[in-house]
Amino acid sequence: MTYCVGMMLERGLVLMSDTRTNSGVDNISTFRKMFHWEVPGERIIAVMSAGNLATTQAVVSQLEERNKAPSDRHNSLLDAESMFQVATIVGNLLQDTIAVRAADNGQSAAGTFSASLIVAGQIKGMEPRLFLIYPEGNFIEASFDTPFFQIGETKYGRPILIRGYEPKMSFENAVKLMTVSFDSTLKANLSVGMPLDLLVIERDTFTPLHERRIEWDDPYFQAVSTGWGEALRQALDALPDYHMDTALQTAAE
């Protein structure tokens, strides 16, 4: 399992992913799940992956090959005229990859090779855009109503994002919010693990504004993790006390 988040802000895009891949508690590995390509001054495109590792690696490898040798077939992300075309190319490639692997292993194996992707980026002259691509190859785009996407182990970190997100928030606050979301997920599910990869894309710059890998012993991550736990305990203590004695409870209300 994994956990990836792509968030759209007025200033641009913020992406974060974990790196854990496991096939049982005694077979845990670290693999990058975030990739990006750029043409300075013209475009930047990022992809995050969740699901079957062989499938996602095959998709990313094919994207890498296409991007290194753009052709008249317009199947490279560096050839695409819009982010919608980028999402279409990635979606078709994901669908084809899953179909080939399912055919080689029997149709019942299709679910085994399932994967989902988040695609984000901007092409010059257009708005930054964010897409969630399903295993079937179809996709949806982020909007005012759905300003962020998650893939992988989403349920533990989602409530934090919903409560804390603001479209006008700074990149720094967005990273803080994502860090809390990831910390909560890490504590609740062993299939999500450090280190974390972070990418910040400011609109109309077409190159990463900020990019880093966050390790377990990262001072900022540790400070946020500890501080969030303490803040939750303080918030709980500050809430009205519950009384099992009906008279006391009525008086308290």
C-alpha atoms as a PDB file:
ATOM      1  CA  MET A   1       0.000   0.000   0.000  1.00  0.00           C
ATOM      2  CA  THR A   2       1.022   3.618  -0.208  1.00  0.00           C
ATOM      3  CA  TYR A   3      -0.198   7.138   0.413  1.00  0.00           C
ATOM      4  CA  CYS A   4       0.064  10.051  -1.996  1.00  0.00           C
ATOM      5  CA  VAL A   5      -1.578  13.483  -1.943  1.00  0.00           C
ATOM      6  CA  GLY A   6      -1.816  16.114  -4.653  1.00  0.00           C
ATOM      7  CA  MET A   7      -3.185  19.512  -3.639  1.00  0.00           C
ATOM      8  CA  MET A   8      -4.148  22.529  -5.723  1.00  0.00           C
ATOM      9  CA  LEU A   9      -3.725  26.018  -4.283  1.00  0.00           C
ATOM     10  CA  GLU A  10      -4.136  29.470  -5.775  1.00  0.00           C
ATOM     11  CA  ARG A  11      -0.336  29.718  -5.861  1.00  0.00           C
ATOM     12  CA  GLY A  12       0.235  26.343  -7.494  1.00  0.00           C
ATOM     13  CA  LEU A  13       0.529  22.662  -6.612  1.00  0.00           C
ATOM     14  CA  VAL A  14       1.893  20.685  -3.647  1.00  0.00           C
ATOM     15  CA  LEU A  15       2.594  16.946  -3.907  1.00  0.00           C
ATOM     16  CA  MET A  16       3.699  14.452  -1.264  1.00  0.00           C
ATOM     17  CA  SER A  17       4.144  10.674  -1.351  1.00  0.00           C
ATOM     18  CA  ASP A  18       5.506   7.933   0.856  1.00  0.00           C
ATOM     19  CA  THR A  19       7.994   5.343  -0.409  1.00  0.00           C
ATOM     20  CA  ARG A  20       7.024   2.062   1.241  1.00  0.00           C
ATOM     21  CA  THR A  21       6.265  -1.061  -0.741  1.00  0.00           C
ATOM     22  CA  ASN A  22       5.606  -4.310   1.099  1.00  0.00           C
ATOM     23  CA  SER A  23       4.723  -7.888   0.283  1.00  0.00           C
ATOM     24  CA  GLY A  24       4.221  -9.010   3.860  1.00  0.00           C
ATOM     25  CA  VAL A  25       5.644  -7.830   7.154  1.00  0.00           C
ATOM     26  CA  ASP A  26       9.036  -9.415   6.433  1.00  0.00           C
ATOM     27  CA  ASN A  27       9.464  -8.007   2.911  1.00  0.00           C
ATOM     28  CA  ILE A  28       9.415  -4.212   3.077  1.00  0.00           C
ATOM     29  CA  SER A  29      11.233  -2.056   0.527  1.00  0.00           C
ATOM     30  CA  THR A  30      11.606   1.592  -0.393  1.00  0.00           C
ATOM     31  CA  PHE A  31      10.683   2.740  -3.898  1.00  0.00           C
ATOM     32  CA  ARG A  32      10.144   6.230  -5.244  1.00  0.00           C
ATOM     33  CA  LYS A  33       6.513   6.897  -6.182  1.00  0.00           C
ATOM     34  CA  MET A  34       6.838  10.508  -7.340  1.00  0.00           C
ATOM     35  CA  PHE A  35       8.368  11.490 -10.680  1.00  0.00           C
ATOM     36  CA  HIS A  36       8.493  14.719 -12.636  1.00  0.00           C
ATOM     37  CA  TRP A  37       9.660  16.032 -15.988  1.00  0.00           C
ATOM     38  CA  GLU A  38      10.208  19.622 -17.029  1.00  0.00           C
ATOM     39  CA  VAL A  39      11.019  21.816 -19.993  1.00  0.00           C
ATOM     40  CA  PRO A  40      12.419  25.015 -18.467  1.00  0.00           C
ATOM     41  CA  GLY A  41      10.151  27.967 -19.143  1.00  0.00           C
ATOM     42  CA  GLU A  42       7.594  25.795 -20.945  1.00  0.00           C
ATOM     43  CA  ARG A  43       6.131  22.996 -18.800  1.00  0.00           C
ATOM     44  CA  ILE A  44       6.440  20.835 -15.710  1.00  0.00           C
ATOM     45  CA  ILE A  45       4.576  17.541 -15.241  1.00  0.00           C
ATOM     46  CA  ALA A  46       4.551  15.263 -12.186  1.00  0.00           C
ATOM     47  CA  VAL A  47       3.157  11.775 -11.619  1.00  0.00           C
ATOM     48  CA  MET A  48       2.553   9.901  -8.349  1.00  0.00           C
ATOM     49  CA  SER A  49       1.622   6.227  -8.246  1.00  0.00           C
ATOM     50  CA  ALA A  50      -0.143   3.733  -5.999  1.00  0.00           C
ATOM     51  CA  GLY A  51      -0.932   0.072  -6.517  1.00  0.00           C
ATOM     52  CA  ASN A  52       0.938  -2.852  -8.048  1.00  0.00           C
ATOM     53  CA  LEU A  53       4.615  -1.901  -8.184  1.00  0.00           C
ATOM     54  CA  ALA A  54       5.375  -3.785 -11.408  1.00  0.00           C
ATOM     55  CA  THR A  55       2.519  -1.979 -13.143  1.00  0.00           C
ATOM     56  CA  THR A  56       3.460   1.493 -11.945  1.00  0.00           C
ATOM     57  CA  GLN A  57       7.142   0.968 -12.735  1.00  0.00           C
ATOM     58  CA  ALA A  58       6.231  -0.185 -16.242  1.00  0.00           C
ATOM     59  CA  VAL A  59       4.112   2.919 -16.797  1.00  0.00           C
ATOM     60  CA  VAL A  60       6.789   5.286 -15.494  1.00  0.00           C
ATOM     61  CA  SER A  61       9.519   3.549 -17.519  1.00  0.00           C
ATOM     62  CA  GLN A  62       7.508   3.915 -20.718  1.00  0.00           C
ATOM     63  CA  LEU A  63       6.841   7.583 -19.950  1.00  0.00           C
ATOM     64  CA  GLU A  64      10.569   8.086 -19.399  1.00  0.00           C
ATOM     65  CA  GLU A  65      11.396   6.494 -22.753  1.00  0.00           C
ATOM     66  CA  ARG A  66       8.804   8.553 -24.591  1.00  0.00           C
ATOM     67  CA  ASN A  67       9.948  11.784 -22.962  1.00  0.00           C
ATOM     68  CA  LYS A  68      13.564  11.134 -23.924  1.00  0.00           C
ATOM     69  CA  ALA A  69      12.637  10.705 -27.590  1.00  0.00           C
ATOM     70  CA  PRO A  70       9.546  12.802 -28.467  1.00  0.00           C
ATOM     71  CA  SER A  71       8.061  11.824 -31.822  1.00  0.00           C
ATOM     72  CA  ASP A  72       5.365  12.758 -34.305  1.00  0.00           C
ATOM     73  CA  ARG A  73       3.066  10.224 -32.632  1.00  0.00           C
ATOM     74  CA  HIS A  74       2.461  12.783 -29.858  1.00  0.00           C
ATOM     75  CA  ASN A  75       2.570  10.138 -27.137  1.00  0.00           C
ATOM     76  CA  SER A  76       5.178  11.981 -25.084  1.00  0.00           C
ATOM     77  CA  LEU A  77       4.208  14.179 -22.175  1.00  0.00           C
ATOM     78  CA  LEU A  78       6.623  16.755 -23.614  1.00  0.00           C
ATOM     79  CA  ASP A  79       4.638  16.827 -26.895  1.00  0.00           C
ATOM     80  CA  ALA A  80       1.165  17.152 -25.390  1.00  0.00           C
ATOM     81  CA  GLU A  81      -0.571  20.450 -26.093  1.00  0.00           C
ATOM     82  CA  SER A  82      -2.505  20.555 -22.801  1.00  0.00           C
ATOM     83  CA  MET A  83      -2.596  18.921 -19.394  1.00  0.00           C
ATOM     84  CA  PHE A  84      -5.831  17.229 -20.472  1.00  0.00           C
ATOM     85  CA  GLN A  85      -3.862  15.512 -23.231  1.00  0.00           C
ATOM     86  CA  VAL A  86      -1.194  14.590 -20.689  1.00  0.00           C
ATOM     87  CA  ALA A  87      -3.835  12.929 -18.496  1.00  0.00           C
ATOM     88  CA  THR A  88      -5.246  11.120 -21.536  1.00  0.00           C
ATOM     89  CA  ILE A  89      -1.823   9.787 -22.531  1.00  0.00           C
ATOM     90  CA  VAL A  90      -1.071   8.568 -19.010  1.00  0.00           C
ATOM     91  CA  GLY A  91      -4.549   7.075 -18.611  1.00  0.00           C
ATOM     92  CA  ASN A  92      -4.333   5.155 -21.883  1.00  0.00           C
ATOM     93  CA  LEU A  93      -0.881   3.879 -21.002  1.00  0.00           C
ATOM     94  CA  LEU A  94      -2.031   2.702 -17.563  1.00  0.00           C
ATOM     95  CA  GLN A  95      -5.061   0.942 -19.033  1.00  0.00           C
ATOM     96  CA  ASP A  96      -2.963  -0.769 -21.721  1.00  0.00           C
ATOM     97  CA  THR A  97      -0.314  -1.877 -19.225  1.00  0.00           C
ATOM     98  CA  ILE A  98      -2.881  -3.459 -16.912  1.00  0.00           C
ATOM     99  CA  ALA A  99      -4.636  -5.124 -19.868  1.00  0.00           C
ATOM    100  CA  VAL A 100      -1.397  -6.672 -21.174  1.00  0.00           C
ATOM    101  CA  ARG A 101      -0.416  -8.028 -17.778  1.00  0.00           C
ATOM    102  CA  ALA A 102      -3.913  -9.393 -17.183  1.00  0.00           C
ATOM    103  CA  ALA A 103      -3.891 -11.103 -20.584  1.00  0.00           C
ATOM    104  CA  ASP A 104      -0.521 -12.696 -19.834  1.00  0.00           C
ATOM    105  CA  ASN A 105      -1.706 -13.977 -16.452  1.00  0.00           C
ATOM    106  CA  GLY A 106      -5.407 -14.612 -17.045  1.00  0.00           C
ATOM    107  CA  GLN A 107      -8.218 -12.084 -16.911  1.00  0.00           C
ATOM    108  CA  SER A 108      -8.939 -12.897 -13.274  1.00  0.00           C
ATOM    109  CA  ALA A 109      -5.510 -11.439 -12.480  1.00  0.00           C
ATOM    110  CA  ALA A 110      -6.480  -7.928 -13.667  1.00  0.00           C
ATOM    111  CA  GLY A 111      -7.142  -6.771 -10.108  1.00  0.00           C
ATOM    112  CA  THR A 112      -3.714  -7.977  -9.034  1.00  0.00           C
ATOM    113  CA  PHE A 113      -2.056  -5.542 -11.434  1.00  0.00           C
ATOM    114  CA  SER A 114      -4.320  -2.611 -10.615  1.00  0.00           C
ATOM    115  CA  ALA A 115      -2.880   0.858 -10.010  1.00  0.00           C
ATOM    116  CA  SER A 116      -3.966   4.486  -9.807  1.00  0.00           C
ATOM    117  CA  LEU A 117      -2.083   7.693 -10.522  1.00  0.00           C
ATOM    118  CA  ILE A 118      -2.127  11.396  -9.716  1.00  0.00           C
ATOM    119  CA  VAL A 119      -0.984  13.667 -12.544  1.00  0.00           C
ATOM    120  CA  ALA A 120      -0.190  17.322 -11.899  1.00  0.00           C
ATOM    121  CA  GLY A 121       1.502  20.148 -13.709  1.00  0.00           C
ATOM    122  CA  GLN A 122       1.291  23.196 -15.902  1.00  0.00           C
ATOM    123  CA  ILE A 123       1.963  24.054 -19.532  1.00  0.00           C
ATOM    124  CA  LYS A 124       2.855  27.621 -20.469  1.00  0.00           C
ATOM    125  CA  GLY A 125      -0.147  29.808 -21.193  1.00  0.00           C
ATOM    126  CA  MET A 126      -2.509  27.514 -19.276  1.00  0.00           C
ATOM    127  CA  GLU A 127      -3.579  26.988 -15.675  1.00  0.00           C
ATOM    128  CA  PRO A 128      -1.975  24.447 -13.319  1.00  0.00           C
ATOM    129  CA  ARG A 129      -4.103  21.285 -13.333  1.00  0.00           C
ATOM    130  CA  LEU A 130      -4.460  18.170 -11.200  1.00  0.00           C
ATOM    131  CA  PHE A 131      -5.935  14.812 -12.253  1.00  0.00           C
ATOM    132  CA  LEU A 132      -6.758  11.493 -10.603  1.00  0.00           C
ATOM    133  CA  ILE A 133      -6.396   8.572 -13.021  1.00  0.00           C
ATOM    134  CA  TYR A 134      -8.198   5.302 -12.356  1.00  0.00           C
ATOM    135  CA  PRO A 135      -6.996   1.800 -13.366  1.00  0.00           C
ATOM    136  CA  GLU A 136      -9.519   1.791 -16.233  1.00  0.00           C
ATOM    137  CA  GLY A 137      -7.691   4.769 -17.756  1.00  0.00           C
ATOM    138  CA  ASN A 138     -10.463   7.300 -17.163  1.00  0.00           C
ATOM    139  CA  PHE A 139      -9.828  10.299 -14.923  1.00  0.00           C
ATOM    140  CA  ILE A 140     -11.294  13.241 -13.071  1.00  0.00           C
ATOM    141  CA  GLU A 141      -9.896  16.728 -12.573  1.00  0.00           C
ATOM    142  CA  ALA A 142      -9.517  18.711  -9.369  1.00  0.00           C
ATOM    143  CA  SER A 143     -11.936  21.595  -8.956  1.00  0.00           C
ATOM    144  CA  PHE A 144     -13.152  24.117  -6.404  1.00  0.00           C
ATOM    145  CA  ASP A 145     -15.277  21.351  -4.860  1.00  0.00           C
ATOM    146  CA  THR A 146     -12.490  18.747  -4.964  1.00  0.00           C
ATOM    147  CA  PRO A 147      -9.200  20.641  -4.584  1.00  0.00           C
ATOM    148  CA  PHE A 148      -7.018  17.685  -3.622  1.00  0.00           C
ATOM    149  CA  PHE A 149      -6.668  14.028  -4.533  1.00  0.00           C
ATOM    150  CA  GLN A 150      -5.395  11.053  -2.525  1.00  0.00           C
ATOM    151  CA  ILE A 151      -4.409   7.583  -3.665  1.00  0.00           C
ATOM    152  CA  GLY A 152      -3.477   4.516  -1.660  1.00  0.00           C
ATOM    153  CA  GLU A 153      -4.289   4.410   2.051  1.00  0.00           C
ATOM    154  CA  THR A 154      -6.465   7.525   2.099  1.00  0.00           C
ATOM    155  CA  LYS A 155      -8.889   7.188   5.015  1.00  0.00           C
ATOM    156  CA  TYR A 156      -6.638   8.127   7.935  1.00  0.00           C
ATOM    157  CA  GLY A 157      -5.306  11.381   6.526  1.00  0.00           C
ATOM    158  CA  ARG A 158      -8.387  12.629   4.715  1.00  0.00           C
ATOM    159  CA  PRO A 159     -10.263  14.193   7.679  1.00  0.00           C
ATOM    160  CA  ILE A 160      -7.233  16.357   8.454  1.00  0.00           C
ATOM    161  CA  LEU A 161      -7.022  17.646   4.883  1.00  0.00           C
ATOM    162  CA  ILE A 162     -10.743  18.387   4.755  1.00  0.00           C
ATOM    163  CA  ARG A 163     -10.660  20.393   7.992  1.00  0.00           C
ATOM    164  CA  GLY A 164      -7.445  22.271   7.316  1.00  0.00           C
ATOM    165  CA  TYR A 165      -7.420  23.035   3.593  1.00  0.00           C
ATOM    166  CA  GLU A 166      -7.822  26.589   2.312  1.00  0.00           C
ATOM    167  CA  PRO A 167      -7.221  27.492  -1.352  1.00  0.00           C
ATOM    168  CA  LYS A 168      -5.389  30.695  -0.365  1.00  0.00           C
ATOM    169  CA  MET A 169      -3.108  29.027   2.165  1.00  0.00           C
ATOM    170  CA  SER A 170       0.647  29.425   1.757  1.00  0.00           C
ATOM    171  CA  PHE A 171       2.853  26.645   0.435  1.00  0.00           C
ATOM    172  CA  GLU A 172       4.415  26.409   3.879  1.00  0.00           C
ATOM    173  CA  ASN A 173       1.049  25.847   5.576  1.00  0.00           C
ATOM    174  CA  ALA A 174       0.060  23.342   2.906  1.00  0.00           C
ATOM    175  CA  VAL A 175       3.227  21.343   3.609  1.00  0.00           C
ATOM    176  CA  LYS A 176       2.470  21.515   7.333  1.00  0.00           C
ATOM    177  CA  LEU A 177      -1.075  20.252   6.714  1.00  0.00           C
ATOM    178  CA  MET A 178       0.165  17.402   4.527  1.00  0.00           C
ATOM    179  CA  THR A 179       2.799  16.480   7.112  1.00  0.00           C
ATOM    180  CA  VAL A 180       0.100  16.085   9.759  1.00  0.00           C
ATOM    181  CA  SER A 181      -2.000  14.026   7.335  1.00  0.00           C
ATOM    182  CA  PHE A 182       0.940  11.726   6.613  1.00  0.00           C
ATOM    183  CA  ASP A 183       1.911  11.462  10.273  1.00  0.00           C
ATOM    184  CA  SER A 184      -1.619  10.323  11.161  1.00  0.00           C
ATOM    185  CA  THR A 185      -1.560   7.767   8.339  1.00  0.00           C
ATOM    186  CA  LEU A 186       1.878   6.460   9.313  1.00  0.00           C
ATOM    187  CA  LYS A 187       0.742   5.898  12.890  1.00  0.00           C
ATOM    188  CA  ALA A 188      -2.429   4.074  11.798  1.00  0.00           C
ATOM    189  CA  ASN A 189      -1.126   1.849   8.993  1.00  0.00           C
ATOM    190  CA  LEU A 190       2.185  -0.007   8.762  1.00  0.00           C
ATOM    191  CA  SER A 191       1.882  -0.320   4.980  1.00  0.00           C
ATOM    192  CA  VAL A 192       2.676   3.399   4.658  1.00  0.00           C
ATOM    193  CA  GLY A 193       6.228   4.365   5.544  1.00  0.00           C
ATOM    194  CA  MET A 194       9.039   6.879   5.451  1.00  0.00           C
ATOM    195  CA  PRO A 195      10.831   8.516   3.806  1.00  0.00           C
ATOM    196  CA  LEU A 196       8.429  11.001   2.201  1.00  0.00           C
ATOM    197  CA  ASP A 197       8.966  12.834  -1.071  1.00  0.00           C
ATOM    198  CA  LEU A 198       7.803  16.447  -1.369  1.00  0.00           C
ATOM    199  CA  LEU A 199       7.405  18.600  -4.491  1.00  0.00           C
ATOM    200  CA  VAL A 200       6.138  22.201  -4.617  1.00  0.00           C
ATOM    201  CA  ILE A 201       5.276  23.740  -8.002  1.00  0.00           C
ATOM    202  CA  GLU A 202       4.586  27.465  -8.151  1.00  0.00           C
ATOM    203  CA  ARG A 203       2.378  28.599 -11.015  1.00  0.00           C
ATOM    204  CA  ASP A 204       4.119  29.972 -14.114  1.00  0.00           C
ATOM    205  CA  THR A 205       7.624  28.942 -13.002  1.00  0.00           C
ATOM    206  CA  PHE A 206       7.811  25.523 -14.766  1.00  0.00           C
ATOM    207  CA  THR A 207      10.433  24.196 -12.388  1.00  0.00           C
ATOM    208  CA  PRO A 208      10.180  22.905  -8.816  1.00  0.00           C
ATOM    209  CA  LEU A 209      10.049  25.707  -6.280  1.00  0.00           C
ATOM    210  CA  HIS A 210      10.945  23.211  -3.558  1.00  0.00           C
ATOM    211  CA  GLU A 211      11.847  19.524  -3.653  1.00  0.00           C
ATOM    212  CA  ARG A 212      13.134  17.284  -0.876  1.00  0.00           C
ATOM    213  CA  ARG A 213      13.044  13.867   0.778  1.00  0.00           C
ATOM    214  CA  ILE A 214      11.892  13.775   4.402  1.00  0.00           C
ATOM    215  CA  GLU A 215      13.494  11.044   6.520  1.00  0.00           C
ATOM    216  CA  TRP A 216      12.307   9.623   9.864  1.00  0.00           C
ATOM    217  CA  ASP A 217      14.808  11.695  11.809  1.00  0.00           C
ATOM    218  CA  ASP A 218      13.951  14.952  10.022  1.00  0.00           C
ATOM    219  CA  PRO A 219      13.707  17.629  12.771  1.00  0.00           C
ATOM    220  CA  TYR A 220      10.701  19.361  11.210  1.00  0.00           C
ATOM    221  CA  PHE A 221       8.742  16.127  10.784  1.00  0.00           C
ATOM    222  CA  GLN A 222       9.498  15.079  14.350  1.00  0.00           C
ATOM    223  CA  ALA A 223       8.462  18.489  15.695  1.00  0.00           C
ATOM    224  CA  VAL A 224       5.150  18.398  13.791  1.00  0.00           C
ATOM    225  CA  SER A 225       4.457  14.806  14.840  1.00  0.00           C
ATOM    226  CA  THR A 226       5.103  15.519  18.518  1.00  0.00           C
ATOM    227  CA  GLY A 227       3.314  18.856  18.460  1.00  0.00           C
ATOM    228  CA  TRP A 228       0.230  17.437  16.772  1.00  0.00           C
ATOM    229  CA  GLY A 229      -0.076  14.669  19.351  1.00  0.00           C
ATOM    230  CA  GLU A 230       0.223  17.133  22.211  1.00  0.00           C
ATOM    231  CA  ALA A 231      -2.267  19.530  20.603  1.00  0.00           C
ATOM    232  CA  LEU A 232      -4.823  16.729  20.252  1.00  0.00           C
ATOM    233  CA  ARG A 233      -4.481  15.799  23.914  1.00  0.00           C
ATOM    234  CA  GLN A 234      -4.871  19.428  24.972  1.00  0.00           C
ATOM    235  CA  ALA A 235      -7.911  19.851  22.732  1.00  0.00           C
ATOM    236  CA  LEU A 236      -9.497  16.730  24.226  1.00  0.00           C
ATOM    237  CA  ASP A 237      -8.881  17.972  27.750  1.00  0.00           C
ATOM    238  CA  ALA A 238     -10.451  21.335  26.855  1.00  0.00           C
ATOM    239  CA  LEU A 239     -13.727  19.785  25.693  1.00  0.00           C
ATOM    240  CA  PRO A 240     -16.673  19.600  28.141  1.00  0.00           C
ATOM    241  CA  ASP A 241     -16.491  16.654  30.523  1.00  0.00           C
ATOM    242  CA  TYR A 242     -18.971  13.813  30.114  1.00  0.00           C
ATOM    243  CA  HIS A 243     -20.836  12.647  33.249  1.00  0.00           C
ATOM    244  CA  MET A 244     -22.514   9.279  33.531  1.00  0.00           C
ATOM    245  CA  ASP A 245     -24.668  10.705  36.314  1.00  0.00           C
ATOM    246  CA  THR A 246     -27.697  12.183  34.538  1.00  0.00           C
ATOM    247  CA  ALA A 247     -28.128  15.020  37.022  1.00  0.00           C
ATOM    248  CA  LEU A 248     -24.494  16.079  36.717  1.00  0.00           C
ATOM    249  CA  GLN A 249     -24.618  15.862  32.928  1.00  0.00           C
ATOM    250  CA  THR A 250     -27.770  18.003  32.809  1.00  0.00           C
ATOM    251  CA  ALA A 251     -26.157  20.589  35.057  1.00  0.00           C
ATOM    252  CA  ALA A 252     -23.042  20.656  32.931  1.00  0.00           C
ATOM    253  CA  GLU A 253     -25.088  21.345  29.828  1.00  0.00           C
END
